[in-house]
Amino acid sequence: MPYIIHTYTNIWLEGHQVTVEVDANKALPTIDIIWLPDAAIKESKERMRASFRNCGVDLPPRKIVLNLAPSDIKKVGTRFDVPMAVAIMRLIQSPGGEVADVLDRSLFFGELGLDGGTKKVTGILPSVISAYKQWRRSFFVPTENIAELEYIPDIDLYSVGSLTDIIKFFGHIEYLSSIKIPHKQLPPRKLTMFDVDFADIKWHMVPKRALTLAAAGMHNVLMAGPPGSGKTMLAKAVQSILPPLTFKQVIDVSQIYSIIGTLWSKQPLITQRPFRPVHHTASRISIVWWGKNLTPGEVSMSHHGILFFDELPEFPREVLEVLRQPLEDKKVIISRASGSVEYPSDFMFVAAMNPCKCGFYKDREKNCVCSINDIKRYQSKISGPLLDRFDIVLEVPRENIDTILDKESQQTSTSIREQVVAARELQKQRYENTPFVTNAQVSAKVLQKYMQLEPDAEVFLKDVVKRLVLSPRVAHRAIKLWRTIADLQWSQTIKRSHIAEALQYREKNMFVDM
C-alpha cells in the first residue's frame, strides 16, 4: 500500500505542492526515486541510508520506490531529503491515529546530513507563504530555517534538528510539544544608524529638497555634477529618510533574499529598505538575474528600496537599456528555454553622473578640457527613453570650502523622515483599495482621477507642456511629482506654485542639446 507525504517546491517565487509517494516490493533492496528528480535528489538515497543507519533505524530488505508528483514540475535541490525520509518512516511503521492526522495535514522540508542531522535549505519562506495561501498551517522545517518563519502568524511550526526528532514523533505524538516553536511578533523597527545623515551634508538645499520629494513619492532621481560635489553622499543619505517597511513589504523583500539564501539566524528577515549600489563593471545578466536557476538580480534585490548607479554613463549601453522595463512596469520578466519567470522590482532608481569625461563641463571654478563632440558622445550613452524615466534630473554644483566648514546645524534625516512618512500616509489613504501605494506608481490610465489641478495651474500646465515640448511619459511623471509636492504641503489640489517648483527639478543645463 503506497503512503503519502506532502512538501512544497519553488519555481522561483511561485510555490507548488509536491506529493511524495512511497511503496515497496520484494525485489532487490534498493531505493529508486522517479519523476523528474535532479542529480542532488538522486544522490539523496545515499544520504537517507546513512541517516537511518546513524539514527538506529534498519531499512526493510525491499525495493523502496519514491515517486515525486506531479510529473510536470522539475524537482531541484536537497529540500526533498526530509519529506522522502518521513515517507519511508511511514512505510516502515504505518502509524495511525493522531500521528497519521499530523502527517496528512503537514508539510515537510529539509536536507539530511550523513549523521541524520538536518541542514538549512534556501527558498523556504516563499514556499511556506504559498502553502499558507492554500490553507496549509502545519510545517516541519530544519532548525536553521526556523528564524525566517517564526514571525508568520497562525501556523504550527515544528523545529526538526535531526531525523531522530521525526523518529521520536512517530513513537509518541506528545513529542510534538517539545519541538513546536511559538509565534513571535515582529519587533518594532529600530531606526538604523545610517552611514550618512542629511545633517552631515552642508548646504545643497535644493538637492536635499528634491531628494525629500523623491523619497516621499518614490520618484527616480538623476544627479549630475562635477567630481566631489557630493552626489554619492546625497544618494547614500536617501536611505536614511525613507519610511520603515510594512510587515507585508518585509515579507515580500525577504522572500527574494530567501531564494538567494542570504537569510540567517541573526538576520531572519529583511526589515530595512535595501540599498543596492551597483558598480559600472556589472554585467547585464547580473542586473536582472544570475545563475542557471534564474536567481533574482539587482533590480529585484532592490525591491521596495533603492537601486543606485554611480557614474551612470560608464555603464555599458546594454546594461542601461535593460532597466527600462522594470522602471516602467515595476517587475522584470525573464524568458529562457527552461521557462519564464517574473520577479517584482518596485524600486527607487537613484543615479549620479559627471556631465563629461573630465567632469567639469560648466563648472564655475575649473575649466573643462573636453571637446563638444566628446561631451556629446559621453552624454549620449544615456538614451532619451531612459532619461525620460527619471522624474527628477538635478544639477549638483560644487560648494566652496566655507560652506563645507560651516558649523550651522542642518535639518536631520529624522526630521525629514517625519515629513516623508506624513506624505506617504496621505498617499496610502488616497490610494486605498487600489494597487497603488505611492504617487510614482499611479498609472497614466487613472492619473487624472487622483491629480486635481486648480484652474490657474491647469492653464499653466498646458503652457509648460507646449513650451518645453514634453513627451507624454515625461508629462505624466511631472504630474506625479507635482502631486508629491502638494502632499508635502498637505494640499488636496495641485497649485501653480507646485508646478513651478517641480520645473527646476527637470534641470538639463548640464546636458548638451537637451
Protein backbone atom coordinates (compact mmCIF):
# COMPACT_ATOMS: atom_id res chain seq x y z
CA MET A 1 0.00 0.00 0.00
CA PRO A 2 1.52 3.38 -1.00
CA TYR A 3 1.92 6.09 1.64
CA ILE A 4 1.95 9.85 1.04
CA ILE A 5 3.85 12.84 2.48
CA HIS A 6 3.48 16.44 1.26
CA THR A 7 6.02 19.20 0.69
CA TYR A 8 6.36 22.35 -1.43
CA THR A 9 8.89 23.40 -4.01
CA ASN A 10 9.61 26.75 -5.63
CA ILE A 11 9.60 27.67 -9.24
CA TRP A 12 11.32 30.93 -8.35
CA LEU A 13 8.81 32.90 -6.20
CA GLU A 14 5.88 30.65 -7.06
CA GLY A 15 5.29 27.67 -4.78
CA HIS A 16 3.95 24.30 -5.94
CA GLN A 17 2.88 21.33 -3.85
CA VAL A 18 4.84 18.12 -4.36
CA THR A 19 3.48 14.80 -3.16
CA VAL A 20 5.98 12.15 -2.10
CA GLU A 21 4.52 8.69 -2.68
CA VAL A 22 6.33 5.62 -1.32
CA ASP A 23 5.84 1.93 -1.90
CA ALA A 24 7.93 -1.23 -1.51
CA ASN A 25 8.13 -4.67 -3.12
CA LYS A 26 10.16 -7.85 -2.71
CA ALA A 27 12.76 -7.09 -5.38
CA LEU A 28 16.43 -6.40 -4.63
CA PRO A 29 16.77 -3.92 -1.70
CA THR A 30 17.36 -0.52 -3.32
CA ILE A 31 15.89 2.97 -3.22
CA ASP A 32 14.60 4.35 -6.53
CA ILE A 33 13.42 7.97 -6.97
CA ILE A 34 11.30 8.72 -10.04
CA TRP A 35 9.55 11.61 -11.84
CA LEU A 36 11.99 14.40 -12.78
CA PRO A 37 14.47 14.41 -9.86
CA ASP A 38 17.72 16.31 -10.46
CA ALA A 39 21.17 14.96 -9.58
CA ALA A 40 21.02 16.28 -5.99
CA ILE A 41 17.77 14.39 -5.37
CA LYS A 42 19.11 11.19 -6.92
CA GLU A 43 22.06 11.37 -4.53
CA SER A 44 19.71 11.71 -1.56
CA LYS A 45 19.21 7.92 -1.44
CA GLU A 46 22.74 7.59 -0.03
CA ARG A 47 22.19 10.42 2.45
CA MET A 48 18.97 8.75 3.63
CA ARG A 49 20.64 5.35 4.02
CA ALA A 50 23.41 6.86 6.16
CA SER A 51 20.93 8.94 8.18
CA PHE A 52 18.73 5.98 9.01
CA ARG A 53 21.75 3.84 9.91
CA ASN A 54 23.22 6.51 12.21
CA CYS A 55 19.84 7.10 13.86
CA GLY A 56 19.42 3.40 14.64
CA VAL A 57 16.72 2.56 12.08
CA ASP A 58 17.03 -0.53 9.89
CA LEU A 59 15.53 -0.22 6.42
CA PRO A 60 13.44 -3.21 5.30
CA PRO A 61 15.17 -5.60 2.84
CA ARG A 62 12.92 -4.49 -0.01
CA LYS A 63 12.98 -2.29 -3.05
CA ILE A 64 11.66 1.13 -1.98
CA VAL A 65 10.21 3.34 -4.73
CA LEU A 66 9.74 7.06 -4.11
CA ASN A 67 7.58 8.97 -6.58
CA LEU A 68 7.66 12.79 -6.67
CA ALA A 69 4.38 14.01 -8.15
CA PRO A 70 3.29 15.86 -10.22
CA SER A 71 5.43 14.80 -13.13
CA ASP A 72 5.38 18.14 -14.98
CA ILE A 73 7.33 20.01 -12.28
CA LYS A 74 11.11 19.76 -12.26
CA LYS A 75 12.31 18.90 -8.75
CA VAL A 76 15.57 20.63 -7.86
CA GLY A 77 17.73 20.70 -4.73
CA THR A 78 18.10 18.83 -1.46
CA ARG A 79 14.93 20.05 0.26
CA PHE A 80 13.22 16.71 -0.50
CA ASP A 81 15.51 14.66 1.79
CA VAL A 82 13.36 15.03 4.89
CA PRO A 83 9.97 14.50 3.16
CA MET A 84 11.28 11.32 1.50
CA ALA A 85 12.75 10.07 4.78
CA VAL A 86 9.43 10.73 6.54
CA ALA A 87 7.63 8.84 3.77
CA ILE A 88 9.94 5.84 4.32
CA MET A 89 9.34 6.03 8.08
CA ARG A 90 5.61 5.97 7.40
CA LEU A 91 6.09 2.90 5.23
CA ILE A 92 8.10 1.15 7.95
CA GLN A 93 5.81 1.91 10.90
CA SER A 94 2.39 2.51 9.24
CA PRO A 95 1.25 4.83 12.05
CA GLY A 96 -2.41 5.61 12.61
CA GLY A 97 -4.46 7.88 14.83
CA GLU A 98 -3.12 11.34 15.67
CA VAL A 99 0.29 10.73 14.11
CA ALA A 100 -1.33 9.91 10.75
CA ASP A 101 -3.54 13.01 11.03
CA VAL A 102 -0.50 15.25 11.62
CA LEU A 103 1.37 13.64 8.70
CA ASP A 104 -1.58 14.21 6.35
CA ARG A 105 -2.01 17.90 7.13
CA SER A 106 1.67 18.86 7.45
CA LEU A 107 4.39 19.86 5.00
CA PHE A 108 7.98 18.68 5.47
CA PHE A 109 11.21 20.38 4.36
CA GLY A 110 14.92 19.86 4.84
CA GLU A 111 18.22 18.40 3.74
CA LEU A 112 19.78 15.48 5.61
CA GLY A 113 23.39 15.08 6.64
CA LEU A 114 25.08 11.69 6.85
CA ASP A 115 24.74 11.79 10.65
CA GLY A 116 20.98 12.28 10.41
CA GLY A 117 21.07 15.99 11.20
CA THR A 118 19.03 18.45 9.13
CA LYS A 119 20.52 21.34 7.20
CA LYS A 120 19.18 24.67 6.03
CA VAL A 121 17.52 24.94 2.61
CA THR A 122 17.04 28.06 0.52
CA GLY A 123 13.72 29.46 -0.63
CA ILE A 124 11.68 28.06 2.25
CA LEU A 125 9.95 31.37 3.04
CA PRO A 126 8.19 31.71 -0.35
CA SER A 127 7.25 28.01 -0.14
CA VAL A 128 5.59 28.47 3.24
CA ILE A 129 3.88 31.70 2.12
CA SER A 130 2.48 29.93 -0.97
CA ALA A 131 1.32 26.99 1.14
CA TYR A 132 -0.22 29.36 3.68
CA LYS A 133 -2.35 30.91 0.92
CA GLN A 134 -3.60 27.38 0.17
CA TRP A 135 -4.69 26.95 3.81
CA ARG A 136 -1.72 24.87 4.89
CA ARG A 137 -0.94 25.58 8.56
CA SER A 138 1.48 22.88 9.79
CA PHE A 139 5.17 22.85 8.83
CA PHE A 140 8.17 20.72 9.84
CA VAL A 141 11.36 22.60 8.90
CA PRO A 142 15.10 22.42 9.71
CA THR A 143 16.10 24.23 12.89
CA GLU A 144 18.34 26.59 10.89
CA ASN A 145 15.31 27.78 8.88
CA ILE A 146 13.10 28.50 11.88
CA ALA A 147 14.21 32.11 12.31
CA GLU A 148 12.75 33.27 8.98
CA LEU A 149 9.38 31.61 9.61
CA GLU A 150 8.58 32.24 13.28
CA TYR A 151 7.01 35.64 12.55
CA ILE A 152 4.30 34.20 10.28
CA PRO A 153 1.04 34.19 12.25
CA ASP A 154 -1.45 31.35 12.64
CA ILE A 155 0.83 28.43 11.75
CA ASP A 156 2.08 25.37 13.64
CA LEU A 157 5.85 25.40 13.21
CA TYR A 158 7.98 22.44 14.27
CA SER A 159 11.76 22.52 14.51
CA VAL A 160 13.46 19.40 13.12
CA GLY A 161 17.06 19.24 14.29
CA SER A 162 17.64 15.70 13.06
CA LEU A 163 15.92 12.61 11.75
CA THR A 164 15.77 11.50 15.39
CA ASP A 165 13.09 14.14 16.03
CA ILE A 166 10.91 12.53 13.36
CA ILE A 167 11.52 9.05 14.79
CA LYS A 168 10.52 10.21 18.29
CA PHE A 169 7.40 11.88 16.88
CA PHE A 170 6.37 8.59 15.22
CA GLY A 171 6.73 6.89 18.60
CA HIS A 172 4.96 9.50 20.74
CA ILE A 173 2.59 12.20 19.43
CA GLU A 174 3.27 14.15 22.65
CA TYR A 175 6.84 14.77 21.42
CA LEU A 176 5.48 17.47 19.10
CA SER A 177 5.05 19.87 22.01
CA SER A 178 8.81 19.84 22.65
CA ILE A 179 9.73 20.86 19.09
CA LYS A 180 6.86 23.29 18.45
CA ILE A 181 8.04 26.88 18.00
CA PRO A 182 5.88 29.69 19.44
CA HIS A 183 4.90 32.54 17.14
CA LYS A 184 6.84 35.78 17.54
CA GLN A 185 5.71 39.32 16.90
CA LEU A 186 7.98 41.28 14.59
CA PRO A 187 9.80 43.70 16.92
CA PRO A 188 9.39 47.44 16.32
CA ARG A 189 11.75 48.51 13.56
CA LYS A 190 14.58 50.43 15.19
CA LEU A 191 15.98 53.39 13.30
CA THR A 192 19.29 52.20 11.96
CA MET A 193 22.37 54.37 12.32
CA PHE A 194 22.98 55.14 8.67
CA ASP A 195 26.40 55.99 7.29
CA VAL A 196 25.24 59.40 6.07
CA ASP A 197 22.73 61.73 7.70
CA PHE A 198 21.28 64.74 5.90
CA ALA A 199 22.64 66.88 8.73
CA ASP A 200 26.14 65.88 7.60
CA ILE A 201 25.60 67.48 4.19
CA LYS A 202 26.26 71.20 4.31
CA TRP A 203 24.22 73.50 2.10
CA HIS A 204 22.88 71.78 -1.05
CA MET A 205 19.40 72.94 -0.05
CA VAL A 206 17.83 72.38 -3.49
CA PRO A 207 19.23 68.84 -3.92
CA LYS A 208 18.14 67.90 -0.39
CA ARG A 209 14.64 69.23 -1.04
CA ALA A 210 14.49 67.30 -4.32
CA LEU A 211 15.57 64.07 -2.63
CA THR A 212 12.94 64.61 0.07
CA LEU A 213 10.32 64.76 -2.68
CA ALA A 214 11.79 61.66 -4.30
CA ALA A 215 11.58 59.70 -1.04
CA ALA A 216 8.03 60.92 -0.36
CA GLY A 217 6.70 59.74 -3.72
CA MET A 218 9.27 57.03 -4.62
CA HIS A 219 10.44 59.05 -7.64
CA ASN A 220 13.54 58.24 -9.71
CA VAL A 221 16.42 60.73 -9.49
CA LEU A 222 19.41 61.55 -11.68
CA MET A 223 22.05 63.85 -10.19
CA ALA A 224 24.63 65.47 -12.46
CA GLY A 225 27.61 67.46 -11.27
CA PRO A 226 31.40 67.65 -11.14
CA PRO A 227 33.53 65.21 -9.13
CA GLY A 228 33.45 65.84 -5.40
CA SER A 229 30.18 67.76 -5.44
CA GLY A 230 28.53 65.30 -3.04
CA LYS A 231 26.33 63.24 -5.40
CA THR A 232 27.25 59.87 -3.91
CA MET A 233 26.90 61.22 -0.37
CA LEU A 234 23.43 62.55 -1.18
CA ALA A 235 22.41 59.22 -2.69
CA LYS A 236 23.52 57.30 0.41
CA ALA A 237 21.60 59.73 2.61
CA VAL A 238 18.30 58.99 0.84
CA GLN A 239 18.05 55.63 2.60
CA SER A 240 18.00 57.43 5.97
CA ILE A 241 14.77 59.33 5.16
CA LEU A 242 12.70 56.50 3.69
CA PRO A 243 9.79 55.28 5.85
CA PRO A 244 10.10 51.84 7.51
CA LEU A 245 8.85 48.78 5.66
CA THR A 246 5.39 47.49 6.47
CA PHE A 247 5.07 43.84 7.57
CA LYS A 248 3.78 42.89 4.11
CA GLN A 249 6.74 44.62 2.48
CA VAL A 250 9.14 42.89 4.89
CA ILE A 251 7.76 39.51 3.79
CA ASP A 252 7.84 40.50 0.09
CA VAL A 253 11.50 41.53 0.23
CA SER A 254 12.55 38.65 2.49
CA GLN A 255 11.13 36.08 0.07
CA ILE A 256 13.55 37.31 -2.59
CA TYR A 257 16.51 37.08 -0.23
CA SER A 258 15.32 33.64 0.95
CA ILE A 259 15.63 32.34 -2.63
CA ILE A 260 19.13 33.77 -2.84
CA GLY A 261 19.99 32.15 0.51
CA THR A 262 21.21 35.22 2.42
CA LEU A 263 18.80 35.00 5.36
CA TRP A 264 20.27 33.57 8.56
CA SER A 265 19.58 33.45 12.31
CA LYS A 266 20.88 36.97 13.02
CA GLN A 267 19.02 38.39 10.04
CA PRO A 268 15.93 36.19 9.64
CA LEU A 269 14.04 38.88 7.70
CA ILE A 270 14.93 41.99 5.72
CA THR A 271 13.47 44.76 7.88
CA GLN A 272 15.34 47.73 6.38
CA ARG A 273 14.77 49.04 2.89
CA PRO A 274 17.50 47.64 0.61
CA PHE A 275 20.17 49.96 -0.75
CA ARG A 276 21.93 48.26 -3.65
CA PRO A 277 24.90 50.20 -5.08
CA VAL A 278 25.95 48.69 -8.40
CA HIS A 279 29.45 49.06 -9.85
CA HIS A 280 29.71 50.03 -13.51
CA THR A 281 31.54 46.78 -14.30
CA ALA A 282 28.35 44.81 -13.54
CA SER A 283 27.00 42.78 -16.46
CA ARG A 284 23.53 42.99 -17.97
CA ILE A 285 22.81 39.48 -16.70
CA SER A 286 23.69 40.24 -13.06
CA ILE A 287 21.38 43.26 -13.05
CA VAL A 288 18.32 41.17 -13.93
CA TRP A 289 19.23 37.61 -12.87
CA TRP A 290 22.19 35.34 -12.35
CA GLY A 291 22.94 31.63 -12.29
CA LYS A 292 21.41 28.77 -14.21
CA ASN A 293 18.39 28.79 -11.87
CA LEU A 294 17.48 32.40 -12.77
CA THR A 295 18.17 33.72 -9.26
CA PRO A 296 16.92 37.30 -8.70
CA GLY A 297 19.32 40.04 -9.76
CA GLU A 298 19.95 43.56 -8.51
CA VAL A 299 16.65 45.04 -9.76
CA SER A 300 14.71 42.51 -7.66
CA MET A 301 17.05 42.68 -4.66
CA SER A 302 16.27 46.43 -4.61
CA HIS A 303 12.51 45.76 -4.31
CA HIS A 304 10.89 48.38 -2.01
CA GLY A 305 14.30 50.02 -1.68
CA ILE A 306 16.93 51.90 -3.69
CA LEU A 307 18.98 50.85 -6.71
CA PHE A 308 21.97 53.18 -7.02
CA PHE A 309 24.10 53.56 -10.16
CA ASP A 310 27.14 55.78 -9.70
CA GLU A 311 28.92 57.14 -12.79
CA LEU A 312 25.88 56.30 -14.93
CA PRO A 313 27.47 56.90 -18.39
CA GLU A 314 30.27 54.46 -17.52
CA PHE A 315 27.79 51.56 -17.61
CA PRO A 316 27.55 49.68 -20.91
CA ARG A 317 24.60 50.76 -23.02
CA GLU A 318 23.04 47.29 -22.90
CA VAL A 319 23.07 47.38 -19.08
CA LEU A 320 21.26 50.72 -19.00
CA GLU A 321 18.64 49.69 -21.55
CA VAL A 322 17.73 46.55 -19.60
CA LEU A 323 16.44 48.85 -16.84
CA ARG A 324 13.68 50.31 -18.97
CA GLN A 325 11.13 47.53 -18.42
CA PRO A 326 11.48 47.23 -14.62
CA LEU A 327 11.42 51.02 -14.25
CA GLU A 328 8.17 51.23 -16.17
CA ASP A 329 6.37 48.02 -15.15
CA LYS A 330 7.77 47.58 -11.60
CA LYS A 331 8.56 43.96 -12.44
CA VAL A 332 11.02 42.03 -14.55
CA ILE A 333 10.10 39.11 -16.79
CA ILE A 334 12.85 36.68 -17.81
CA SER A 335 12.19 34.24 -20.62
CA ARG A 336 14.53 31.33 -21.25
CA ALA A 337 14.29 27.89 -22.82
CA SER A 338 13.68 26.44 -19.34
CA GLY A 339 10.66 28.69 -18.85
CA SER A 340 9.54 32.20 -17.98
CA VAL A 341 9.91 33.82 -14.56
CA GLU A 342 8.56 37.07 -13.15
CA TYR A 343 10.16 38.92 -10.23
CA PRO A 344 8.94 42.13 -8.54
CA SER A 345 11.20 45.15 -8.99
CA ASP A 346 9.43 48.16 -7.49
CA PHE A 347 12.44 50.24 -6.52
CA MET A 348 13.53 53.86 -6.41
CA PHE A 349 16.26 54.40 -9.01
CA VAL A 350 18.93 56.90 -7.95
CA ALA A 351 21.79 57.63 -10.33
CA ALA A 352 24.73 60.01 -10.38
CA MET A 353 26.95 61.15 -13.22
CA ASN A 354 29.60 63.61 -14.24
CA PRO A 355 28.48 65.91 -17.08
CA CYS A 356 31.51 64.93 -19.21
CA LYS A 357 34.56 62.69 -19.24
CA CYS A 358 36.73 65.07 -17.24
CA GLY A 359 33.75 66.02 -15.09
CA PHE A 360 34.00 69.82 -15.25
CA TYR A 361 31.64 70.83 -18.04
CA LYS A 362 30.01 74.13 -17.00
CA ASP A 363 31.89 74.09 -13.68
CA ARG A 364 32.18 77.54 -12.13
CA GLU A 365 35.78 77.19 -11.00
CA LYS A 366 37.61 74.69 -13.21
CA ASN A 367 37.71 74.63 -16.99
CA CYS A 368 36.54 71.59 -18.93
CA VAL A 369 39.15 70.02 -21.23
CA CYS A 370 36.65 68.00 -23.30
CA SER A 371 35.55 68.96 -26.79
CA ILE A 372 31.87 69.41 -27.58
CA ASN A 373 31.91 66.16 -29.56
CA ASP A 374 33.47 64.35 -26.60
CA ILE A 375 30.78 65.72 -24.28
CA LYS A 376 28.00 64.72 -26.68
CA ARG A 377 29.47 61.26 -27.08
CA TYR A 378 29.75 60.83 -23.31
CA GLN A 379 26.22 62.04 -22.57
CA SER A 380 24.66 60.11 -25.47
CA LYS A 381 25.33 56.87 -23.57
CA ILE A 382 22.15 57.71 -21.68
CA SER A 383 19.31 57.27 -24.16
CA GLY A 384 16.32 59.58 -24.33
CA PRO A 385 13.82 56.88 -23.25
CA LEU A 386 15.92 56.08 -20.18
CA LEU A 387 16.31 59.77 -19.32
CA ASP A 388 12.53 60.18 -19.57
CA ARG A 389 12.13 57.62 -16.79
CA PHE A 390 13.77 59.95 -14.27
CA ASP A 391 11.20 62.13 -12.51
CA ILE A 392 13.93 64.42 -11.22
CA VAL A 393 17.02 65.48 -13.18
CA LEU A 394 19.12 67.59 -10.87
CA GLU A 395 22.30 69.64 -11.07
CA VAL A 396 24.55 69.28 -8.02
CA PRO A 397 27.23 72.01 -8.12
CA ARG A 398 30.37 72.01 -6.04
CA GLU A 399 30.29 74.00 -2.82
CA ASN A 400 33.12 76.22 -1.59
CA ILE A 401 35.17 75.35 1.45
CA ASP A 402 33.49 77.97 3.66
CA THR A 403 30.11 76.30 3.16
CA ILE A 404 31.51 72.85 3.84
CA LEU A 405 33.13 74.01 7.10
CA ASP A 406 30.04 75.93 8.20
CA LYS A 407 29.08 74.80 11.73
CA GLU A 408 25.46 75.89 11.45
CA SER A 409 23.18 72.96 12.25
CA GLN A 410 21.32 71.36 9.35
CA GLN A 411 18.00 69.54 9.26
CA THR A 412 18.48 65.94 10.33
CA SER A 413 17.33 62.84 8.50
CA THR A 414 14.98 62.07 11.39
CA SER A 415 13.02 65.30 10.96
CA ILE A 416 12.94 64.90 7.17
CA ARG A 417 11.75 61.31 7.55
CA GLU A 418 8.78 62.54 9.58
CA GLN A 419 7.71 64.71 6.63
CA VAL A 420 8.16 61.80 4.24
CA VAL A 421 6.12 59.46 6.45
CA ALA A 422 3.31 62.03 6.69
CA ALA A 423 3.23 62.41 2.89
CA ARG A 424 3.21 58.62 2.45
CA GLU A 425 0.27 58.38 4.86
CA LEU A 426 -1.71 60.78 2.66
CA GLN A 427 -0.92 58.64 -0.37
CA LYS A 428 -1.92 55.49 1.49
CA GLN A 429 -5.33 56.97 2.26
CA ARG A 430 -5.78 58.31 -1.27
CA TYR A 431 -4.96 55.02 -2.99
CA GLU A 432 -6.80 52.76 -0.58
CA ASN A 433 -8.40 49.79 -2.36
CA THR A 434 -6.14 50.31 -5.39
CA PRO A 435 -2.90 48.55 -6.39
CA PHE A 436 -1.00 51.83 -5.88
CA VAL A 437 0.93 52.82 -2.77
CA THR A 438 2.92 55.89 -3.83
CA ASN A 439 2.41 58.66 -6.36
CA ALA A 440 5.13 57.31 -8.66
CA GLN A 441 3.19 54.05 -9.09
CA VAL A 442 -0.04 55.61 -10.36
CA SER A 443 -0.72 54.55 -13.96
CA ALA A 444 -1.42 57.02 -16.73
CA LYS A 445 -4.85 55.43 -17.20
CA VAL A 446 -6.16 56.69 -13.86
CA LEU A 447 -3.86 59.68 -13.43
CA GLN A 448 -6.49 62.40 -13.71
CA LYS A 449 -8.73 60.77 -11.12
CA TYR A 450 -6.18 61.38 -8.38
CA MET A 451 -4.43 64.53 -9.66
CA GLN A 452 -6.79 67.50 -9.24
CA LEU A 453 -5.34 70.75 -10.61
CA GLU A 454 -6.55 74.21 -9.67
CA PRO A 455 -7.82 76.24 -12.69
CA ASP A 456 -4.79 78.54 -12.95
CA ALA A 457 -2.48 75.53 -12.51
CA GLU A 458 -4.19 73.76 -15.44
CA VAL A 459 -3.66 76.78 -17.69
CA PHE A 460 -0.03 76.97 -16.58
CA LEU A 461 0.42 73.24 -17.22
CA LYS A 462 -0.76 73.48 -20.83
CA ASP A 463 1.62 76.34 -21.45
CA VAL A 464 4.55 74.48 -19.89
CA VAL A 465 3.97 71.27 -21.87
CA LYS A 466 3.68 73.22 -25.12
CA ARG A 467 6.71 75.42 -24.46
CA LEU A 468 9.03 72.65 -23.22
CA VAL A 469 7.77 70.04 -25.73
CA LEU A 470 7.42 67.37 -23.06
CA SER A 471 6.72 63.80 -24.12
CA PRO A 472 3.57 62.18 -22.69
CA ARG A 473 5.73 59.98 -20.43
CA VAL A 474 7.61 62.99 -19.03
CA ALA A 475 4.35 64.92 -18.61
CA HIS A 476 2.79 62.05 -16.65
CA ARG A 477 5.84 61.75 -14.42
CA ALA A 478 5.87 65.51 -13.89
CA ILE A 479 2.22 65.48 -12.77
CA LYS A 480 3.01 62.74 -10.23
CA LEU A 481 5.89 64.83 -8.89
CA TRP A 482 3.57 67.82 -8.56
CA ARG A 483 1.20 65.64 -6.57
CA THR A 484 4.03 64.73 -4.19
CA ILE A 485 4.96 68.39 -3.69
CA ALA A 486 1.32 69.07 -2.83
CA ASP A 487 1.30 66.15 -0.37
CA LEU A 488 4.33 67.51 1.47
CA GLN A 489 2.41 70.77 1.87
CA TRP A 490 -0.83 68.96 2.85
CA SER A 491 -2.64 70.39 -0.16
CA GLN A 492 -5.58 68.48 -1.65
CA THR A 493 -5.11 70.09 -5.08
CA ILE A 494 -2.09 70.84 -7.25
CA LYS A 495 -1.33 74.55 -7.34
CA ARG A 496 0.62 76.64 -9.82
CA SER A 497 3.41 77.05 -7.24
CA HIS A 498 3.81 73.25 -7.09
CA ILE A 499 4.31 73.10 -10.86
CA ALA A 500 6.76 76.00 -10.77
CA GLU A 501 8.84 74.28 -8.08
CA ALA A 502 8.88 71.00 -9.99
CA LEU A 503 10.22 72.65 -13.14
CA GLN A 504 13.58 73.28 -11.50
CA TYR A 505 13.87 69.54 -10.89
CA ARG A 506 13.97 68.83 -14.63
CA GLU A 507 17.27 70.71 -14.94
CA LYS A 508 19.05 69.90 -18.19
CA ASN A 509 21.59 72.73 -18.40
CA MET A 510 24.30 70.17 -17.74
CA PHE A 511 23.39 68.37 -20.96
CA VAL A 512 24.38 69.39 -24.47
CA ASP A 513 21.46 69.99 -26.89
CA MET A 514 18.85 68.79 -24.39
